[in-house]
Amino acid sequence: MPADTRYISIVRHPMDQFVSAFEYYGPGQHVTDAFWGLKDHQSIVNGFLDNPQNKTSRFLYLTQMAEDFQLVMVMEHFDESLVLLKRYFCWSTKDILYLPKNKNEKKKRLTFTDKYRERHRQVAETDYDIYAYFRSLFWRKVWQEGPSFQSEVAHFKYVNSVVTDHCLLNKTLHVAASPWDEPYTVNWMDCHYTNSNELDLYDVIYNSTVGRTQQ
């Protein structure tokens, strides 16, 4: 990548990330075989935590990572992360609008006792170190933005909820100027891209980038 490339990433609480990955990708055949007698996800995850195969070694240099990434967002504070991203890259609110995807509100949420939460912390010490470090750094960056930041976050949440309703109804929305933006319009094409799944949107971005590169 060019020398002036700016990198971003995002972290998520290690326990939530672990459970999400466990359910999305599946436990793997070797784990399923080991805990074949356990019939539900809760028991399988608990069984895995009772029998960790490896302990993560601490080989990452957090300060170096902080230098490599201009911004590391935090999943649990997604709206705040997007507003910070907008400010860092001099974007508009329209650039960070989104529709929630890949959420299954009807799915039963797994719950864990303090015993298993602590066991996961022991299994994934490095993950917790990374999360704590970048979460702390994230809030320091938010604090540096001043008191107007939270006002902008509230404005963004409101606009994003209005846009979500208009996109579901396939209506064009005209957003008035605000202290943080010039006026802009969200039309059906914007809604289409915002509502696209990640793979389809990746193809659009990739093909567009390749086309500009070839030109």
N, C-alpha and C. Protein backbone atom coordinates (compact mmCIF):
# COMPACT_ATOMS: atom_id res chain seq x y z
N MET A 1 0.84 -1.19 0.00
CA MET A 1 0.00 0.00 0.00
C MET A 1 0.88 1.25 0.00
N PRO A 2 0.39 2.37 -0.55
CA PRO A 2 1.17 3.61 -0.55
C PRO A 2 1.55 4.04 0.86
N ALA A 3 2.60 4.83 0.95
CA ALA A 3 3.12 5.22 2.26
C ALA A 3 2.12 6.05 3.06
N ASP A 4 1.23 6.79 2.35
CA ASP A 4 0.28 7.64 3.06
C ASP A 4 -1.06 6.95 3.34
N THR A 5 -1.11 5.64 3.16
CA THR A 5 -2.34 4.89 3.44
C THR A 5 -2.69 4.97 4.92
N ARG A 6 -3.96 5.19 5.22
CA ARG A 6 -4.40 5.24 6.61
C ARG A 6 -5.22 3.98 6.91
N TYR A 7 -4.90 3.33 8.00
CA TYR A 7 -5.52 2.05 8.34
C TYR A 7 -6.47 2.22 9.52
N ILE A 8 -7.60 1.50 9.45
CA ILE A 8 -8.55 1.47 10.55
C ILE A 8 -8.89 0.02 10.86
N SER A 9 -9.40 -0.19 12.06
CA SER A 9 -9.85 -1.53 12.43
C SER A 9 -10.93 -1.38 13.49
N ILE A 10 -11.39 -2.49 14.03
CA ILE A 10 -12.43 -2.45 15.06
C ILE A 10 -12.22 -3.61 16.02
N VAL A 11 -12.49 -3.38 17.29
CA VAL A 11 -12.41 -4.44 18.29
C VAL A 11 -13.79 -4.66 18.89
N ARG A 12 -13.98 -5.83 19.44
CA ARG A 12 -15.23 -6.21 20.08
C ARG A 12 -14.89 -6.93 21.36
N HIS A 13 -15.76 -6.83 22.36
CA HIS A 13 -15.48 -7.52 23.63
C HIS A 13 -15.18 -8.98 23.34
N PRO A 14 -14.06 -9.48 23.86
CA PRO A 14 -13.61 -10.84 23.51
C PRO A 14 -14.64 -11.94 23.75
N MET A 15 -15.41 -11.83 24.83
CA MET A 15 -16.40 -12.88 25.10
C MET A 15 -17.50 -12.86 24.05
N ASP A 16 -17.97 -11.66 23.70
CA ASP A 16 -19.01 -11.55 22.67
C ASP A 16 -18.49 -12.02 21.32
N GLN A 17 -17.26 -11.66 21.01
CA GLN A 17 -16.66 -12.07 19.74
C GLN A 17 -16.49 -13.59 19.68
N PHE A 18 -16.08 -14.17 20.79
CA PHE A 18 -15.88 -15.62 20.87
C PHE A 18 -17.19 -16.36 20.63
N VAL A 19 -18.24 -15.94 21.32
CA VAL A 19 -19.53 -16.61 21.18
C VAL A 19 -20.09 -16.42 19.77
N SER A 20 -19.95 -15.21 19.23
CA SER A 20 -20.45 -14.94 17.88
C SER A 20 -19.74 -15.82 16.85
N ALA A 21 -18.43 -15.90 16.94
CA ALA A 21 -17.66 -16.73 16.01
C ALA A 21 -17.98 -18.21 16.20
N PHE A 22 -18.14 -18.62 17.45
CA PHE A 22 -18.45 -20.01 17.76
C PHE A 22 -19.78 -20.42 17.11
N GLU A 23 -20.76 -19.53 17.19
CA GLU A 23 -22.08 -19.85 16.64
C GLU A 23 -22.11 -19.70 15.13
N TYR A 24 -21.38 -18.70 14.59
CA TYR A 24 -21.43 -18.44 13.15
C TYR A 24 -20.67 -19.50 12.36
N TYR A 25 -19.45 -19.80 12.79
CA TYR A 25 -18.62 -20.74 12.04
C TYR A 25 -18.83 -22.18 12.48
N GLY A 26 -19.40 -22.37 13.67
CA GLY A 26 -19.54 -23.72 14.19
C GLY A 26 -18.32 -24.09 15.01
N PRO A 27 -18.45 -25.02 15.92
CA PRO A 27 -17.35 -25.37 16.82
C PRO A 27 -16.22 -26.15 16.16
N GLY A 28 -16.44 -26.67 14.95
CA GLY A 28 -15.42 -27.50 14.33
C GLY A 28 -15.64 -28.96 14.69
N GLN A 29 -15.29 -29.85 13.77
CA GLN A 29 -15.58 -31.26 13.98
C GLN A 29 -14.85 -31.83 15.19
N HIS A 30 -13.58 -31.36 15.41
CA HIS A 30 -12.83 -31.94 16.52
C HIS A 30 -13.45 -31.55 17.86
N VAL A 31 -14.03 -30.34 17.93
CA VAL A 31 -14.71 -29.94 19.16
C VAL A 31 -16.03 -30.67 19.30
N THR A 32 -16.76 -30.80 18.19
CA THR A 32 -18.03 -31.52 18.21
C THR A 32 -17.82 -32.97 18.65
N ASP A 33 -16.76 -33.60 18.12
CA ASP A 33 -16.47 -34.98 18.50
C ASP A 33 -16.13 -35.08 19.98
N ALA A 34 -15.39 -34.11 20.47
CA ALA A 34 -14.95 -34.15 21.86
C ALA A 34 -16.12 -33.98 22.83
N PHE A 35 -17.11 -33.20 22.39
CA PHE A 35 -18.24 -32.92 23.28
C PHE A 35 -19.55 -33.41 22.66
N TRP A 36 -19.49 -34.58 22.04
CA TRP A 36 -20.64 -35.10 21.29
C TRP A 36 -21.87 -35.30 22.17
N GLY A 37 -21.66 -35.49 23.45
CA GLY A 37 -22.77 -35.72 24.36
C GLY A 37 -23.51 -34.45 24.74
N LEU A 38 -22.96 -33.29 24.39
CA LEU A 38 -23.58 -32.02 24.75
C LEU A 38 -24.47 -31.57 23.60
N LYS A 39 -25.75 -31.38 23.85
CA LYS A 39 -26.72 -31.22 22.78
C LYS A 39 -26.96 -29.76 22.37
N ASP A 40 -26.59 -28.80 23.19
CA ASP A 40 -26.91 -27.42 22.85
C ASP A 40 -25.64 -26.57 22.85
N HIS A 41 -25.75 -25.38 22.22
CA HIS A 41 -24.60 -24.49 22.09
C HIS A 41 -24.03 -24.09 23.44
N GLN A 42 -24.91 -23.80 24.41
CA GLN A 42 -24.43 -23.36 25.72
C GLN A 42 -23.50 -24.41 26.32
N SER A 43 -23.91 -25.67 26.28
CA SER A 43 -23.11 -26.74 26.87
C SER A 43 -21.82 -26.95 26.09
N ILE A 44 -21.88 -26.83 24.76
CA ILE A 44 -20.68 -27.03 23.94
C ILE A 44 -19.65 -25.95 24.24
N VAL A 45 -20.10 -24.69 24.32
CA VAL A 45 -19.18 -23.60 24.62
C VAL A 45 -18.57 -23.79 26.00
N ASN A 46 -19.40 -24.12 26.98
CA ASN A 46 -18.88 -24.36 28.32
C ASN A 46 -17.88 -25.51 28.33
N GLY A 47 -18.18 -26.55 27.56
CA GLY A 47 -17.27 -27.68 27.48
C GLY A 47 -15.94 -27.30 26.88
N PHE A 48 -15.98 -26.44 25.86
CA PHE A 48 -14.74 -25.98 25.25
C PHE A 48 -13.91 -25.18 26.25
N LEU A 49 -14.56 -24.32 27.01
CA LEU A 49 -13.84 -23.50 27.99
C LEU A 49 -13.28 -24.34 29.13
N ASP A 50 -13.92 -25.47 29.41
CA ASP A 50 -13.41 -26.37 30.44
C ASP A 50 -12.16 -27.10 29.97
N ASN A 51 -11.94 -27.16 28.64
CA ASN A 51 -10.83 -27.94 28.09
C ASN A 51 -10.07 -27.16 27.02
N PRO A 52 -9.47 -26.02 27.35
CA PRO A 52 -8.73 -25.25 26.35
C PRO A 52 -7.53 -26.04 25.85
N GLN A 53 -7.30 -26.00 24.52
CA GLN A 53 -6.19 -26.76 23.93
C GLN A 53 -4.88 -25.98 24.00
N ASN A 54 -4.98 -24.65 23.81
CA ASN A 54 -3.77 -23.82 23.79
C ASN A 54 -4.00 -22.53 24.52
N LYS A 55 -2.95 -21.96 25.05
CA LYS A 55 -3.03 -20.66 25.71
C LYS A 55 -2.34 -19.64 24.81
N THR A 56 -3.07 -18.55 24.49
CA THR A 56 -2.54 -17.54 23.57
C THR A 56 -1.29 -16.91 24.14
N SER A 57 -0.23 -16.87 23.35
CA SER A 57 1.01 -16.24 23.79
C SER A 57 0.94 -14.75 23.54
N ARG A 58 1.65 -13.98 24.37
CA ARG A 58 1.64 -12.53 24.23
C ARG A 58 2.80 -12.09 23.35
N PHE A 59 2.49 -11.86 22.08
CA PHE A 59 3.55 -11.50 21.15
C PHE A 59 3.24 -10.21 20.41
N LEU A 60 2.07 -9.63 20.69
CA LEU A 60 1.70 -8.40 19.99
C LEU A 60 2.20 -7.17 20.75
N TYR A 61 2.67 -6.22 20.04
CA TYR A 61 3.14 -4.98 20.64
C TYR A 61 2.06 -3.92 20.44
N LEU A 62 1.33 -3.63 21.50
CA LEU A 62 0.16 -2.79 21.40
C LEU A 62 0.50 -1.37 20.95
N THR A 63 1.58 -0.83 21.45
CA THR A 63 1.93 0.54 21.05
C THR A 63 2.25 0.61 19.57
N GLN A 64 2.87 -0.42 19.03
CA GLN A 64 3.16 -0.45 17.60
C GLN A 64 1.88 -0.55 16.79
N MET A 65 0.93 -1.33 17.28
CA MET A 65 -0.35 -1.46 16.61
C MET A 65 -1.08 -0.12 16.60
N ALA A 66 -0.98 0.61 17.70
CA ALA A 66 -1.63 1.91 17.79
C ALA A 66 -1.04 2.89 16.78
N GLU A 67 0.24 2.75 16.49
CA GLU A 67 0.88 3.60 15.48
C GLU A 67 0.48 3.18 14.07
N ASP A 68 0.26 1.90 13.88
CA ASP A 68 -0.10 1.40 12.54
C ASP A 68 -1.53 1.77 12.15
N PHE A 69 -2.42 1.82 13.13
CA PHE A 69 -3.82 2.11 12.84
C PHE A 69 -4.16 3.53 13.31
N GLN A 70 -4.66 4.33 12.39
CA GLN A 70 -5.06 5.67 12.78
C GLN A 70 -6.24 5.64 13.74
N LEU A 71 -7.12 4.66 13.53
CA LEU A 71 -8.28 4.54 14.41
C LEU A 71 -8.65 3.08 14.56
N VAL A 72 -8.85 2.67 15.81
CA VAL A 72 -9.42 1.36 16.11
C VAL A 72 -10.76 1.61 16.78
N MET A 73 -11.83 1.26 16.08
CA MET A 73 -13.18 1.50 16.60
C MET A 73 -13.55 0.42 17.62
N VAL A 74 -14.67 0.64 18.30
CA VAL A 74 -15.15 -0.30 19.32
C VAL A 74 -16.57 -0.70 18.95
N MET A 75 -16.80 -1.98 18.77
CA MET A 75 -18.10 -2.46 18.32
C MET A 75 -19.23 -2.07 19.25
N GLU A 76 -18.98 -2.13 20.56
CA GLU A 76 -20.05 -1.81 21.52
C GLU A 76 -20.42 -0.33 21.49
N HIS A 77 -19.60 0.48 20.86
CA HIS A 77 -19.89 1.91 20.72
C HIS A 77 -19.76 2.27 19.24
N PHE A 78 -20.60 1.60 18.45
CA PHE A 78 -20.48 1.67 16.99
C PHE A 78 -20.78 3.07 16.46
N ASP A 79 -21.84 3.70 16.96
CA ASP A 79 -22.19 5.04 16.46
C ASP A 79 -21.12 6.06 16.80
N GLU A 80 -20.60 6.00 18.02
CA GLU A 80 -19.50 6.89 18.39
C GLU A 80 -18.28 6.64 17.52
N SER A 81 -18.04 5.37 17.21
CA SER A 81 -16.90 5.02 16.36
C SER A 81 -17.05 5.61 14.96
N LEU A 82 -18.26 5.55 14.42
CA LEU A 82 -18.48 6.08 13.07
C LEU A 82 -18.33 7.59 13.03
N VAL A 83 -18.82 8.28 14.05
CA VAL A 83 -18.69 9.73 14.08
C VAL A 83 -17.21 10.12 14.20
N LEU A 84 -16.46 9.38 15.00
CA LEU A 84 -15.02 9.64 15.10
C LEU A 84 -14.34 9.38 13.77
N LEU A 85 -14.73 8.32 13.10
CA LEU A 85 -14.19 8.01 11.77
C LEU A 85 -14.52 9.14 10.80
N LYS A 86 -15.73 9.62 10.83
CA LYS A 86 -16.15 10.73 9.98
C LYS A 86 -15.26 11.95 10.19
N ARG A 87 -14.99 12.27 11.44
CA ARG A 87 -14.17 13.44 11.75
C ARG A 87 -12.72 13.25 11.29
N TYR A 88 -12.19 12.08 11.51
CA TYR A 88 -10.80 11.82 11.14
C TYR A 88 -10.59 11.88 9.63
N PHE A 89 -11.59 11.44 8.87
CA PHE A 89 -11.44 11.37 7.41
C PHE A 89 -12.15 12.52 6.69
N CYS A 90 -12.68 13.47 7.48
CA CYS A 90 -13.36 14.64 6.90
C CYS A 90 -14.52 14.21 5.98
N TRP A 91 -15.28 13.23 6.42
CA TRP A 91 -16.43 12.75 5.67
C TRP A 91 -17.68 13.53 6.07
N SER A 92 -18.79 13.21 5.42
CA SER A 92 -20.08 13.76 5.79
C SER A 92 -20.88 12.69 6.53
N THR A 93 -21.96 13.11 7.16
CA THR A 93 -22.81 12.13 7.85
C THR A 93 -23.34 11.10 6.87
N LYS A 94 -23.62 11.52 5.64
CA LYS A 94 -24.12 10.59 4.64
C LYS A 94 -23.14 9.44 4.41
N ASP A 95 -21.85 9.69 4.55
CA ASP A 95 -20.84 8.66 4.31
C ASP A 95 -20.87 7.55 5.36
N ILE A 96 -21.45 7.82 6.52
CA ILE A 96 -21.42 6.80 7.58
C ILE A 96 -22.80 6.24 7.91
N LEU A 97 -23.81 6.60 7.14
CA LEU A 97 -25.15 6.03 7.37
C LEU A 97 -25.12 4.52 7.17
N TYR A 98 -25.91 3.81 7.94
CA TYR A 98 -25.94 2.35 7.81
C TYR A 98 -27.31 1.81 8.21
N LEU A 99 -27.60 0.61 7.72
CA LEU A 99 -28.77 -0.14 8.15
C LEU A 99 -28.26 -1.38 8.89
N PRO A 100 -28.79 -1.67 10.06
CA PRO A 100 -28.34 -2.85 10.81
C PRO A 100 -28.50 -4.12 9.98
N LYS A 101 -27.45 -4.94 9.93
CA LYS A 101 -27.47 -6.19 9.17
C LYS A 101 -26.96 -7.32 10.06
N ASN A 102 -27.30 -8.54 9.66
CA ASN A 102 -26.80 -9.75 10.33
C ASN A 102 -27.16 -9.80 11.82
N LYS A 103 -28.32 -9.23 12.15
CA LYS A 103 -28.78 -9.28 13.54
C LYS A 103 -29.96 -10.24 13.62
N ASN A 104 -29.93 -11.11 14.60
CA ASN A 104 -31.03 -12.05 14.81
C ASN A 104 -31.59 -11.83 16.21
N GLU A 105 -32.56 -10.91 16.29
CA GLU A 105 -33.10 -10.54 17.59
C GLU A 105 -33.88 -11.68 18.25
N LYS A 106 -34.37 -12.63 17.43
CA LYS A 106 -35.20 -13.70 17.96
C LYS A 106 -34.37 -14.85 18.55
N LYS A 107 -33.09 -14.87 18.21
CA LYS A 107 -32.25 -15.97 18.66
C LYS A 107 -31.96 -15.85 20.15
N LYS A 108 -32.05 -16.95 20.84
CA LYS A 108 -31.79 -16.95 22.28
C LYS A 108 -30.35 -16.59 22.55
N ARG A 109 -30.15 -15.63 23.44
CA ARG A 109 -28.81 -15.18 23.77
C ARG A 109 -28.22 -16.07 24.87
N LEU A 110 -26.99 -16.53 24.63
CA LEU A 110 -26.33 -17.36 25.63
C LEU A 110 -25.92 -16.52 26.82
N THR A 111 -26.03 -17.10 27.99
CA THR A 111 -25.61 -16.42 29.22
C THR A 111 -24.56 -17.28 29.91
N PHE A 112 -23.63 -16.61 30.58
CA PHE A 112 -22.52 -17.32 31.20
C PHE A 112 -22.34 -16.87 32.64
N THR A 113 -21.97 -17.82 33.48
CA THR A 113 -21.68 -17.49 34.87
C THR A 113 -20.31 -16.82 34.95
N ASP A 114 -20.04 -16.23 36.08
CA ASP A 114 -18.73 -15.60 36.30
C ASP A 114 -17.60 -16.61 36.12
N LYS A 115 -17.89 -17.86 36.45
CA LYS A 115 -16.87 -18.91 36.32
C LYS A 115 -16.41 -19.03 34.87
N TYR A 116 -17.36 -19.08 33.93
CA TYR A 116 -16.98 -19.27 32.53
C TYR A 116 -16.46 -17.98 31.89
N ARG A 117 -16.92 -16.85 32.38
CA ARG A 117 -16.35 -15.59 31.88
C ARG A 117 -14.89 -15.47 32.29
N GLU A 118 -14.59 -15.85 33.52
CA GLU A 118 -13.21 -15.81 33.97
C GLU A 118 -12.37 -16.86 33.26
N ARG A 119 -12.96 -18.02 32.97
CA ARG A 119 -12.23 -19.07 32.24
C ARG A 119 -11.88 -18.59 30.83
N HIS A 120 -12.82 -17.90 30.19
CA HIS A 120 -12.50 -17.37 28.86
C HIS A 120 -11.42 -16.31 28.93
N ARG A 121 -11.45 -15.49 29.98
CA ARG A 121 -10.40 -14.48 30.14
C ARG A 121 -9.02 -15.14 30.26
N GLN A 122 -8.96 -16.28 30.92
CA GLN A 122 -7.70 -17.00 31.07
C GLN A 122 -7.26 -17.61 29.74
N VAL A 123 -8.24 -18.08 28.96
CA VAL A 123 -7.93 -18.69 27.67
C VAL A 123 -7.45 -17.65 26.66
N ALA A 124 -8.02 -16.46 26.73
CA ALA A 124 -7.76 -15.44 25.71
C ALA A 124 -7.20 -14.16 26.33
N GLU A 125 -6.14 -14.29 27.09
CA GLU A 125 -5.56 -13.15 27.78
C GLU A 125 -5.15 -12.03 26.82
N THR A 126 -4.53 -12.40 25.73
CA THR A 126 -4.08 -11.40 24.78
C THR A 126 -5.24 -10.63 24.17
N ASP A 127 -6.32 -11.34 23.86
CA ASP A 127 -7.50 -10.68 23.31
C ASP A 127 -8.03 -9.62 24.26
N TYR A 128 -8.05 -9.94 25.54
CA TYR A 128 -8.53 -8.98 26.54
C TYR A 128 -7.57 -7.80 26.67
N ASP A 129 -6.28 -8.06 26.56
CA ASP A 129 -5.30 -6.97 26.62
C ASP A 129 -5.49 -6.01 25.45
N ILE A 130 -5.68 -6.58 24.27
CA ILE A 130 -5.88 -5.76 23.06
C ILE A 130 -7.15 -4.94 23.20
N TYR A 131 -8.22 -5.60 23.62
CA TYR A 131 -9.51 -4.91 23.74
C TYR A 131 -9.43 -3.77 24.75
N ALA A 132 -8.86 -4.05 25.92
CA ALA A 132 -8.78 -3.03 26.97
C ALA A 132 -7.91 -1.86 26.53
N TYR A 133 -6.81 -2.15 25.87
CA TYR A 133 -5.89 -1.10 25.43
C TYR A 133 -6.57 -0.18 24.42
N PHE A 134 -7.17 -0.75 23.41
CA PHE A 134 -7.75 0.07 22.35
C PHE A 134 -9.08 0.70 22.77
N ARG A 135 -9.79 0.09 23.68
CA ARG A 135 -11.00 0.72 24.20
C ARG A 135 -10.62 1.97 24.99
N SER A 136 -9.59 1.88 25.80
CA SER A 136 -9.12 3.04 26.55
C SER A 136 -8.61 4.14 25.61
N LEU A 137 -7.85 3.73 24.60
CA LEU A 137 -7.34 4.70 23.62
C LEU A 137 -8.49 5.35 22.87
N PHE A 138 -9.50 4.59 22.54
CA PHE A 138 -10.67 5.11 21.83
C PHE A 138 -11.33 6.23 22.62
N TRP A 139 -11.57 5.99 23.91
CA TRP A 139 -12.25 7.00 24.71
C TRP A 139 -11.38 8.22 24.95
N ARG A 140 -10.07 8.06 24.96
CA ARG A 140 -9.19 9.23 25.04
C ARG A 140 -9.34 10.09 23.79
N LYS A 141 -9.46 9.43 22.64
CA LYS A 141 -9.64 10.17 21.39
C LYS A 141 -11.00 10.88 21.37
N VAL A 142 -12.01 10.22 21.89
CA VAL A 142 -13.33 10.85 21.97
C VAL A 142 -13.26 12.08 22.86
N TRP A 143 -12.61 11.96 23.99
CA TRP A 143 -12.48 13.09 24.93
C TRP A 143 -11.77 14.27 24.28
N GLN A 144 -10.79 13.98 23.46
CA GLN A 144 -10.04 15.03 22.79
C GLN A 144 -10.88 15.80 21.77
N GLU A 145 -11.99 15.21 21.32
CA GLU A 145 -12.84 15.87 20.34
C GLU A 145 -13.68 16.98 20.94
N GLY A 146 -13.79 17.04 22.26
CA GLY A 146 -14.52 18.12 22.90
C GLY A 146 -16.00 17.83 23.10
N PRO A 147 -16.72 18.76 23.74
CA PRO A 147 -18.13 18.53 24.11
C PRO A 147 -19.07 18.42 22.92
N SER A 148 -18.70 18.93 21.77
CA SER A 148 -19.59 18.86 20.62
C SER A 148 -19.72 17.44 20.08
N PHE A 149 -18.83 16.56 20.48
CA PHE A 149 -18.83 15.20 19.93
C PHE A 149 -20.12 14.47 20.27
N GLN A 150 -20.52 14.48 21.53
CA GLN A 150 -21.73 13.76 21.93
C GLN A 150 -22.97 14.34 21.28
N SER A 151 -22.97 15.66 21.06
CA SER A 151 -24.10 16.27 20.35
C SER A 151 -24.18 15.76 18.92
N GLU A 152 -23.02 15.60 18.29
CA GLU A 152 -23.02 15.08 16.93
C GLU A 152 -23.45 13.62 16.89
N VAL A 153 -23.05 12.85 17.89
CA VAL A 153 -23.47 11.44 17.95
C VAL A 153 -24.99 11.35 18.07
N ALA A 154 -25.58 12.20 18.92
CA ALA A 154 -27.03 12.19 19.07
C ALA A 154 -27.71 12.57 17.76
N HIS A 155 -27.16 13.57 17.05
CA HIS A 155 -27.70 13.97 15.76
C HIS A 155 -27.60 12.83 14.75
N PHE A 156 -26.45 12.14 14.73
CA PHE A 156 -26.26 11.03 13.80
C PHE A 156 -27.24 9.90 14.08
N LYS A 157 -27.45 9.56 15.34
CA LYS A 157 -28.38 8.48 15.67
C LYS A 157 -29.79 8.82 15.20
N TYR A 158 -30.18 10.08 15.37
CA TYR A 158 -31.51 10.50 14.94
C TYR A 158 -31.64 10.40 13.41
N VAL A 159 -30.67 10.98 12.70
CA VAL A 159 -30.71 10.96 11.23
C VAL A 159 -30.69 9.53 10.71
N ASN A 160 -29.87 8.70 11.31
CA ASN A 160 -29.75 7.32 10.84
C ASN A 160 -31.07 6.56 11.03
N SER A 161 -31.77 6.83 12.13
CA SER A 161 -33.06 6.17 12.35
C SER A 161 -34.10 6.63 11.33
N VAL A 162 -34.07 7.93 10.99
CA VAL A 162 -34.99 8.46 9.98
C VAL A 162 -34.69 7.86 8.61
N VAL A 163 -33.40 7.79 8.29
CA VAL A 163 -32.99 7.21 7.01
C VAL A 163 -33.41 5.74 6.93
N THR A 164 -33.28 5.01 8.02
CA THR A 164 -33.68 3.61 8.05
C THR A 164 -35.16 3.46 7.69
N ASP A 165 -35.99 4.30 8.29
CA ASP A 165 -37.43 4.25 7.99
C ASP A 165 -37.71 4.58 6.52
N HIS A 166 -37.04 5.63 5.99
CA HIS A 166 -37.27 6.03 4.61
C HIS A 166 -36.79 4.97 3.62
N CYS A 167 -35.67 4.33 3.94
CA CYS A 167 -35.15 3.30 3.04
C CYS A 167 -36.07 2.09 3.02
N LEU A 168 -36.65 1.74 4.15
CA LEU A 168 -37.57 0.61 4.20
C LEU A 168 -38.82 0.88 3.38
N LEU A 169 -39.18 2.16 3.28
CA LEU A 169 -40.36 2.56 2.49
C LEU A 169 -39.98 2.98 1.08
N ASN A 170 -38.67 2.90 0.77
CA ASN A 170 -38.17 3.27 -0.56
C ASN A 170 -38.52 4.73 -0.91
N LYS A 171 -38.33 5.61 0.06
CA LYS A 171 -38.60 7.02 -0.14
C LYS A 171 -37.30 7.82 -0.15
N THR A 172 -37.30 8.92 -0.89
CA THR A 172 -36.16 9.83 -0.90
C THR A 172 -36.25 10.76 0.31
N LEU A 173 -35.11 10.98 0.93
CA LEU A 173 -35.07 11.83 2.12
C LEU A 173 -34.13 13.01 1.88
N HIS A 174 -34.61 14.21 2.18
CA HIS A 174 -33.79 15.41 2.09
C HIS A 174 -33.42 15.82 3.52
N VAL A 175 -32.13 15.78 3.81
CA VAL A 175 -31.65 16.09 5.16
C VAL A 175 -31.17 17.54 5.18
N ALA A 176 -31.69 18.31 6.11
CA ALA A 176 -31.34 19.72 6.20
C ALA A 176 -29.91 19.89 6.73
N ALA A 177 -29.37 21.07 6.53
CA ALA A 177 -28.04 21.39 7.04
C ALA A 177 -28.03 21.33 8.56
N SER A 178 -26.88 21.02 9.10
CA SER A 178 -26.70 20.95 10.55
C SER A 178 -25.35 21.58 10.88
N PRO A 179 -25.03 21.74 12.15
CA PRO A 179 -23.71 22.27 12.51
C PRO A 179 -22.56 21.41 12.00
N TRP A 180 -22.87 20.17 11.58
CA TRP A 180 -21.81 19.25 11.18
C TRP A 180 -21.84 18.90 9.69
N ASP A 181 -22.86 19.39 8.96
CA ASP A 181 -22.99 18.98 7.56
C ASP A 181 -23.72 20.02 6.72
N GLU A 182 -23.39 20.00 5.45
CA GLU A 182 -24.21 20.68 4.45
C GLU A 182 -25.45 19.82 4.20
N PRO A 183 -26.52 20.37 3.61
CA PRO A 183 -27.69 19.54 3.30
C PRO A 183 -27.35 18.47 2.27
N TYR A 184 -28.02 17.34 2.34
CA TYR A 184 -27.79 16.25 1.39
C TYR A 184 -29.07 15.44 1.22
N THR A 185 -29.07 14.61 0.19
CA THR A 185 -30.23 13.79 -0.14
C THR A 185 -29.86 12.31 -0.10
N VAL A 186 -30.73 11.51 0.43
CA VAL A 186 -30.57 10.05 0.43
C VAL A 186 -31.64 9.49 -0.49
N ASN A 187 -31.23 8.93 -1.64
CA ASN A 187 -32.19 8.42 -2.62
C ASN A 187 -32.21 6.89 -2.63
N TRP A 188 -32.94 6.33 -3.57
CA TRP A 188 -33.12 4.87 -3.59
C TRP A 188 -31.82 4.13 -3.84
N MET A 189 -30.90 4.74 -4.63
CA MET A 189 -29.62 4.09 -4.87
C MET A 189 -28.78 4.05 -3.60
N ASP A 190 -28.80 5.14 -2.84
CA ASP A 190 -28.10 5.16 -1.55
C ASP A 190 -28.65 4.07 -0.64
N CYS A 191 -29.97 3.93 -0.62
CA CYS A 191 -30.60 2.90 0.21
C CYS A 191 -30.20 1.50 -0.28
N HIS A 192 -30.14 1.35 -1.60
CA HIS A 192 -29.76 0.06 -2.17
C HIS A 192 -28.36 -0.36 -1.71
N TYR A 193 -27.41 0.57 -1.80
CA TYR A 193 -26.05 0.25 -1.38
C TYR A 193 -25.96 0.03 0.13
N THR A 194 -26.68 0.85 0.87
CA THR A 194 -26.66 0.73 2.33
C THR A 194 -27.24 -0.59 2.79
N ASN A 195 -28.21 -1.09 2.03
CA ASN A 195 -28.89 -2.33 2.40
C ASN A 195 -28.24 -3.58 1.79
N SER A 196 -27.18 -3.39 1.00
CA SER A 196 -26.51 -4.53 0.37
C SER A 196 -25.74 -5.34 1.40
N ASN A 197 -25.61 -6.64 1.13
CA ASN A 197 -24.78 -7.44 2.03
C ASN A 197 -23.31 -7.18 1.74
N GLU A 198 -22.46 -7.59 2.64
CA GLU A 198 -21.05 -7.21 2.56
C GLU A 198 -20.35 -7.75 1.32
N LEU A 199 -20.71 -8.94 0.87
CA LEU A 199 -20.04 -9.52 -0.29
C LEU A 199 -20.41 -8.79 -1.58
N ASP A 200 -21.70 -8.48 -1.73
CA ASP A 200 -22.13 -7.75 -2.92
C ASP A 200 -21.51 -6.35 -2.95
N LEU A 201 -21.48 -5.71 -1.80
CA LEU A 201 -20.91 -4.36 -1.74
C LEU A 201 -19.40 -4.40 -1.98
N TYR A 202 -18.76 -5.44 -1.50
CA TYR A 202 -17.33 -5.60 -1.75
C TYR A 202 -17.06 -5.69 -3.26
N ASP A 203 -17.89 -6.44 -3.97
CA ASP A 203 -17.72 -6.56 -5.43
C ASP A 203 -17.86 -5.21 -6.12
N VAL A 204 -18.83 -4.41 -5.67
CA VAL A 204 -19.03 -3.09 -6.26
C VAL A 204 -17.80 -2.21 -6.04
N ILE A 205 -17.30 -2.20 -4.82
CA ILE A 205 -16.13 -1.37 -4.49
C ILE A 205 -14.90 -1.88 -5.23
N TYR A 206 -14.72 -3.19 -5.25
CA TYR A 206 -13.55 -3.77 -5.91
C TYR A 206 -13.55 -3.47 -7.40
N ASN A 207 -14.68 -3.69 -8.05
CA ASN A 207 -14.76 -3.45 -9.49
C ASN A 207 -14.57 -1.97 -9.82
N SER A 208 -15.10 -1.11 -8.98
CA SER A 208 -14.92 0.32 -9.20
C SER A 208 -13.46 0.71 -9.04
N THR A 209 -12.79 0.15 -8.04
CA THR A 209 -11.38 0.45 -7.80
C THR A 209 -10.52 -0.05 -8.94
N VAL A 210 -10.78 -1.28 -9.40
CA VAL A 210 -10.02 -1.85 -10.51
C VAL A 210 -10.21 -1.00 -11.77
N GLY A 211 -11.45 -0.55 -12.01
CA GLY A 211 -11.71 0.27 -13.18
C GLY A 211 -10.93 1.57 -13.18
N ARG A 212 -10.87 2.23 -12.00
CA ARG A 212 -10.11 3.48 -11.90
C ARG A 212 -8.63 3.22 -12.06
N THR A 213 -8.15 2.10 -11.53
CA THR A 213 -6.74 1.77 -11.63
C THR A 213 -6.33 1.51 -13.09
N GLN A 214 -7.18 0.83 -13.83
CA GLN A 214 -6.88 0.52 -15.23
C GLN A 214 -6.89 1.78 -16.08
N GLN A 215 -7.73 2.73 -15.73
CA GLN A 215 -7.78 3.99 -16.47
C GLN A 215 -6.52 4.81 -16.24
